[in-house]
Amino acid sequence: MVQITTLGLHRVPDSDEPCWLIEILVRGLTGPFDDDITQELTEPQEWTKQGPYHLMRLNADGTDWIPWNVPWTASERLCFFFHFLDVNRPLTGCYGSIMLPKETAMPERLARVIPYLPPD
């Protein structure tokens, strides 16, 4: 059974749209991570349902990224950007609910290796 622990929720300061970087630890993987994650909307919005943007694999201490062609392990540290997030509601997906922690400042280790690039 896959278990997800949210390690961090960080507002992206240089985004034109509301955006956060979410860092997670995934345990129990038997293959690549399925990024079918979203957040249920409580009322219609002018923007569509959001999902992970720019998913990155990180090394064990979260200080560098890992290329996608490196074989997956049972435990992976990942991060992704998420636009228009309601920080008071969990994310949902094929692995169940993903609770969000309290928002904190972007750690330098992530700001250094995970640049924010606006979507096209």
C-alpha atoms as a PDB file:
ATOM      1  CA  MET A   1       0.000   0.000   0.000  1.00  0.00           C
ATOM      2  CA  VAL A   2       1.356   3.402  -1.001  1.00  0.00           C
ATOM      3  CA  GLN A   3       1.655   5.958   1.802  1.00  0.00           C
ATOM      4  CA  ILE A   4       2.235   9.665   1.206  1.00  0.00           C
ATOM      5  CA  THR A   5       3.626  12.056   3.800  1.00  0.00           C
ATOM      6  CA  THR A   6       3.614  15.751   2.964  1.00  0.00           C
ATOM      7  CA  LEU A   7       6.976  17.238   3.937  1.00  0.00           C
ATOM      8  CA  GLY A   8       6.383  20.835   2.954  1.00  0.00           C
ATOM      9  CA  LEU A   9       4.024  23.409   1.509  1.00  0.00           C
ATOM     10  CA  HIS A  10       5.784  26.528   0.217  1.00  0.00           C
ATOM     11  CA  ARG A  11       4.319  29.580  -1.524  1.00  0.00           C
ATOM     12  CA  VAL A  12       6.126  30.418  -4.767  1.00  0.00           C
ATOM     13  CA  PRO A  13       7.062  34.097  -4.500  1.00  0.00           C
ATOM     14  CA  ASP A  14       7.793  34.784  -8.186  1.00  0.00           C
ATOM     15  CA  SER A  15       4.603  33.369  -9.744  1.00  0.00           C
ATOM     16  CA  ASP A  16       2.060  35.617 -11.474  1.00  0.00           C
ATOM     17  CA  GLU A  17      -0.693  33.217 -10.336  1.00  0.00           C
ATOM     18  CA  PRO A  18      -1.194  31.793  -6.829  1.00  0.00           C
ATOM     19  CA  CYS A  19       1.178  28.827  -6.710  1.00  0.00           C
ATOM     20  CA  TRP A  20       2.770  26.538  -4.117  1.00  0.00           C
ATOM     21  CA  LEU A  21       5.568  23.977  -4.153  1.00  0.00           C
ATOM     22  CA  ILE A  22       4.521  20.764  -2.414  1.00  0.00           C
ATOM     23  CA  GLU A  23       7.157  18.288  -1.232  1.00  0.00           C
ATOM     24  CA  ILE A  24       6.114  14.715  -0.453  1.00  0.00           C
ATOM     25  CA  LEU A  25       7.636  11.411   0.624  1.00  0.00           C
ATOM     26  CA  VAL A  26       6.057   8.395  -1.044  1.00  0.00           C
ATOM     27  CA  ARG A  27       6.552   4.917   0.449  1.00  0.00           C
ATOM     28  CA  GLY A  28       5.454   1.557  -0.887  1.00  0.00           C
ATOM     29  CA  LEU A  29       5.843   2.235  -4.600  1.00  0.00           C
ATOM     30  CA  THR A  30       6.041  -0.764  -6.912  1.00  0.00           C
ATOM     31  CA  GLY A  31       6.738   1.330 -10.014  1.00  0.00           C
ATOM     32  CA  PRO A  32       6.756   4.961 -11.120  1.00  0.00           C
ATOM     33  CA  PHE A  33       4.631   7.426  -9.170  1.00  0.00           C
ATOM     34  CA  ASP A  34       1.141   8.089 -10.563  1.00  0.00           C
ATOM     35  CA  ASP A  35       0.665  11.865 -10.444  1.00  0.00           C
ATOM     36  CA  ASP A  36      -3.132  11.668 -10.770  1.00  0.00           C
ATOM     37  CA  ILE A  37      -3.573  14.216  -7.966  1.00  0.00           C
ATOM     38  CA  THR A  38      -6.055  17.066  -7.808  1.00  0.00           C
ATOM     39  CA  GLN A  39      -8.083  19.069  -5.347  1.00  0.00           C
ATOM     40  CA  GLU A  40     -11.843  18.824  -5.309  1.00  0.00           C
ATOM     41  CA  LEU A  41     -13.483  22.188  -5.898  1.00  0.00           C
ATOM     42  CA  THR A  42     -16.248  23.237  -3.519  1.00  0.00           C
ATOM     43  CA  GLU A  43     -17.785  25.629  -6.044  1.00  0.00           C
ATOM     44  CA  PRO A  44     -17.319  26.370  -9.744  1.00  0.00           C
ATOM     45  CA  GLN A  45     -14.268  28.465 -10.547  1.00  0.00           C
ATOM     46  CA  GLU A  46     -13.200  30.326 -13.645  1.00  0.00           C
ATOM     47  CA  TRP A  47     -10.155  28.048 -13.823  1.00  0.00           C
ATOM     48  CA  THR A  48     -10.238  24.311 -14.278  1.00  0.00           C
ATOM     49  CA  LYS A  49      -9.369  21.623 -11.770  1.00  0.00           C
ATOM     50  CA  GLN A  50      -5.636  21.770 -11.087  1.00  0.00           C
ATOM     51  CA  GLY A  51      -3.006  19.039 -10.884  1.00  0.00           C
ATOM     52  CA  PRO A  52       0.733  18.693 -10.249  1.00  0.00           C
ATOM     53  CA  TYR A  53       2.912  20.846 -12.455  1.00  0.00           C
ATOM     54  CA  HIS A  54       6.611  20.159 -13.078  1.00  0.00           C
ATOM     55  CA  LEU A  55       6.851  16.992 -10.948  1.00  0.00           C
ATOM     56  CA  MET A  56      10.453  16.382  -9.865  1.00  0.00           C
ATOM     57  CA  ARG A  57      12.175  13.464  -8.168  1.00  0.00           C
ATOM     58  CA  LEU A  58      14.516  14.452  -5.342  1.00  0.00           C
ATOM     59  CA  ASN A  59      17.382  12.692  -3.608  1.00  0.00           C
ATOM     60  CA  ALA A  60      16.865  11.378  -0.050  1.00  0.00           C
ATOM     61  CA  ASP A  61      17.690  14.684   1.680  1.00  0.00           C
ATOM     62  CA  GLY A  62      15.893  16.864  -0.871  1.00  0.00           C
ATOM     63  CA  THR A  63      18.967  18.787  -1.988  1.00  0.00           C
ATOM     64  CA  ASP A  64      19.119  17.716  -5.644  1.00  0.00           C
ATOM     65  CA  TRP A  65      16.891  16.249  -8.326  1.00  0.00           C
ATOM     66  CA  ILE A  66      17.066  12.735  -9.757  1.00  0.00           C
ATOM     67  CA  PRO A  67      16.674  12.061 -13.506  1.00  0.00           C
ATOM     68  CA  TRP A  68      13.522  10.214 -14.590  1.00  0.00           C
ATOM     69  CA  ASN A  69      15.536   7.403 -16.212  1.00  0.00           C
ATOM     70  CA  VAL A  70      17.006   6.309 -12.855  1.00  0.00           C
ATOM     71  CA  PRO A  71      15.077   3.222 -11.635  1.00  0.00           C
ATOM     72  CA  TRP A  72      12.327   3.962  -9.106  1.00  0.00           C
ATOM     73  CA  THR A  73      12.642   2.696  -5.538  1.00  0.00           C
ATOM     74  CA  ALA A  74       9.947   1.813  -2.981  1.00  0.00           C
ATOM     75  CA  SER A  75      10.527   5.170  -1.256  1.00  0.00           C
ATOM     76  CA  GLU A  76      10.762   8.381  -3.274  1.00  0.00           C
ATOM     77  CA  ARG A  77      10.942  12.056  -2.350  1.00  0.00           C
ATOM     78  CA  LEU A  78       9.067  14.204  -4.875  1.00  0.00           C
ATOM     79  CA  CYS A  79       7.946  17.781  -5.316  1.00  0.00           C
ATOM     80  CA  PHE A  80       5.632  19.596  -7.662  1.00  0.00           C
ATOM     81  CA  PHE A  81       4.031  22.964  -8.179  1.00  0.00           C
ATOM     82  CA  PHE A  82       0.283  23.384  -7.713  1.00  0.00           C
ATOM     83  CA  HIS A  83      -1.613  26.470  -8.877  1.00  0.00           C
ATOM     84  CA  PHE A  84      -4.763  27.920  -7.263  1.00  0.00           C
ATOM     85  CA  LEU A  85      -4.472  25.667  -4.221  1.00  0.00           C
ATOM     86  CA  ASP A  86      -6.848  25.881  -1.263  1.00  0.00           C
ATOM     87  CA  VAL A  87      -4.340  25.275   1.549  1.00  0.00           C
ATOM     88  CA  ASN A  88      -7.167  24.332   3.932  1.00  0.00           C
ATOM     89  CA  ARG A  89      -8.301  21.324   1.876  1.00  0.00           C
ATOM     90  CA  PRO A  90      -6.501  18.046   1.155  1.00  0.00           C
ATOM     91  CA  LEU A  91      -5.384  16.882  -2.253  1.00  0.00           C
ATOM     92  CA  THR A  92      -6.965  13.707  -3.594  1.00  0.00           C
ATOM     93  CA  GLY A  93      -5.894  11.057  -6.048  1.00  0.00           C
ATOM     94  CA  CYS A  94      -5.401   7.388  -6.700  1.00  0.00           C
ATOM     95  CA  TYR A  95      -3.478   7.022  -3.411  1.00  0.00           C
ATOM     96  CA  GLY A  96      -6.241   8.621  -1.302  1.00  0.00           C
ATOM     97  CA  SER A  97      -6.275  11.957   0.523  1.00  0.00           C
ATOM     98  CA  ILE A  98      -3.063  13.916   0.925  1.00  0.00           C
ATOM     99  CA  MET A  99      -3.226  16.270   3.891  1.00  0.00           C
ATOM    100  CA  LEU A 100      -1.407  19.587   3.568  1.00  0.00           C
ATOM    101  CA  PRO A 101       0.779  20.940   6.362  1.00  0.00           C
ATOM    102  CA  LYS A 102       0.997  24.537   7.464  1.00  0.00           C
ATOM    103  CA  GLU A 103       2.605  26.746   4.831  1.00  0.00           C
ATOM    104  CA  THR A 104       6.254  27.653   5.417  1.00  0.00           C
ATOM    105  CA  ALA A 105       8.846  29.710   3.552  1.00  0.00           C
ATOM    106  CA  MET A 106      10.561  28.071   0.594  1.00  0.00           C
ATOM    107  CA  PRO A 107      13.729  26.324   1.857  1.00  0.00           C
ATOM    108  CA  GLU A 108      16.910  27.459   0.155  1.00  0.00           C
ATOM    109  CA  ARG A 109      17.734  23.832  -0.763  1.00  0.00           C
ATOM    110  CA  LEU A 110      14.568  23.661  -2.902  1.00  0.00           C
ATOM    111  CA  ALA A 111      14.772  27.193  -4.293  1.00  0.00           C
ATOM    112  CA  ARG A 112      18.287  26.361  -5.503  1.00  0.00           C
ATOM    113  CA  VAL A 113      17.393  23.176  -7.433  1.00  0.00           C
ATOM    114  CA  ILE A 114      13.697  23.546  -8.396  1.00  0.00           C
ATOM    115  CA  PRO A 115      13.225  26.729 -10.424  1.00  0.00           C
ATOM    116  CA  TYR A 116       9.668  27.874 -11.076  1.00  0.00           C
ATOM    117  CA  LEU A 117       8.891  28.151 -14.785  1.00  0.00           C
ATOM    118  CA  PRO A 118       5.407  29.509 -15.589  1.00  0.00           C
ATOM    119  CA  PRO A 119       3.184  27.241 -17.693  1.00  0.00           C
ATOM    120  CA  ASP A 120       2.812  28.172 -21.355  1.00  0.00           C
END
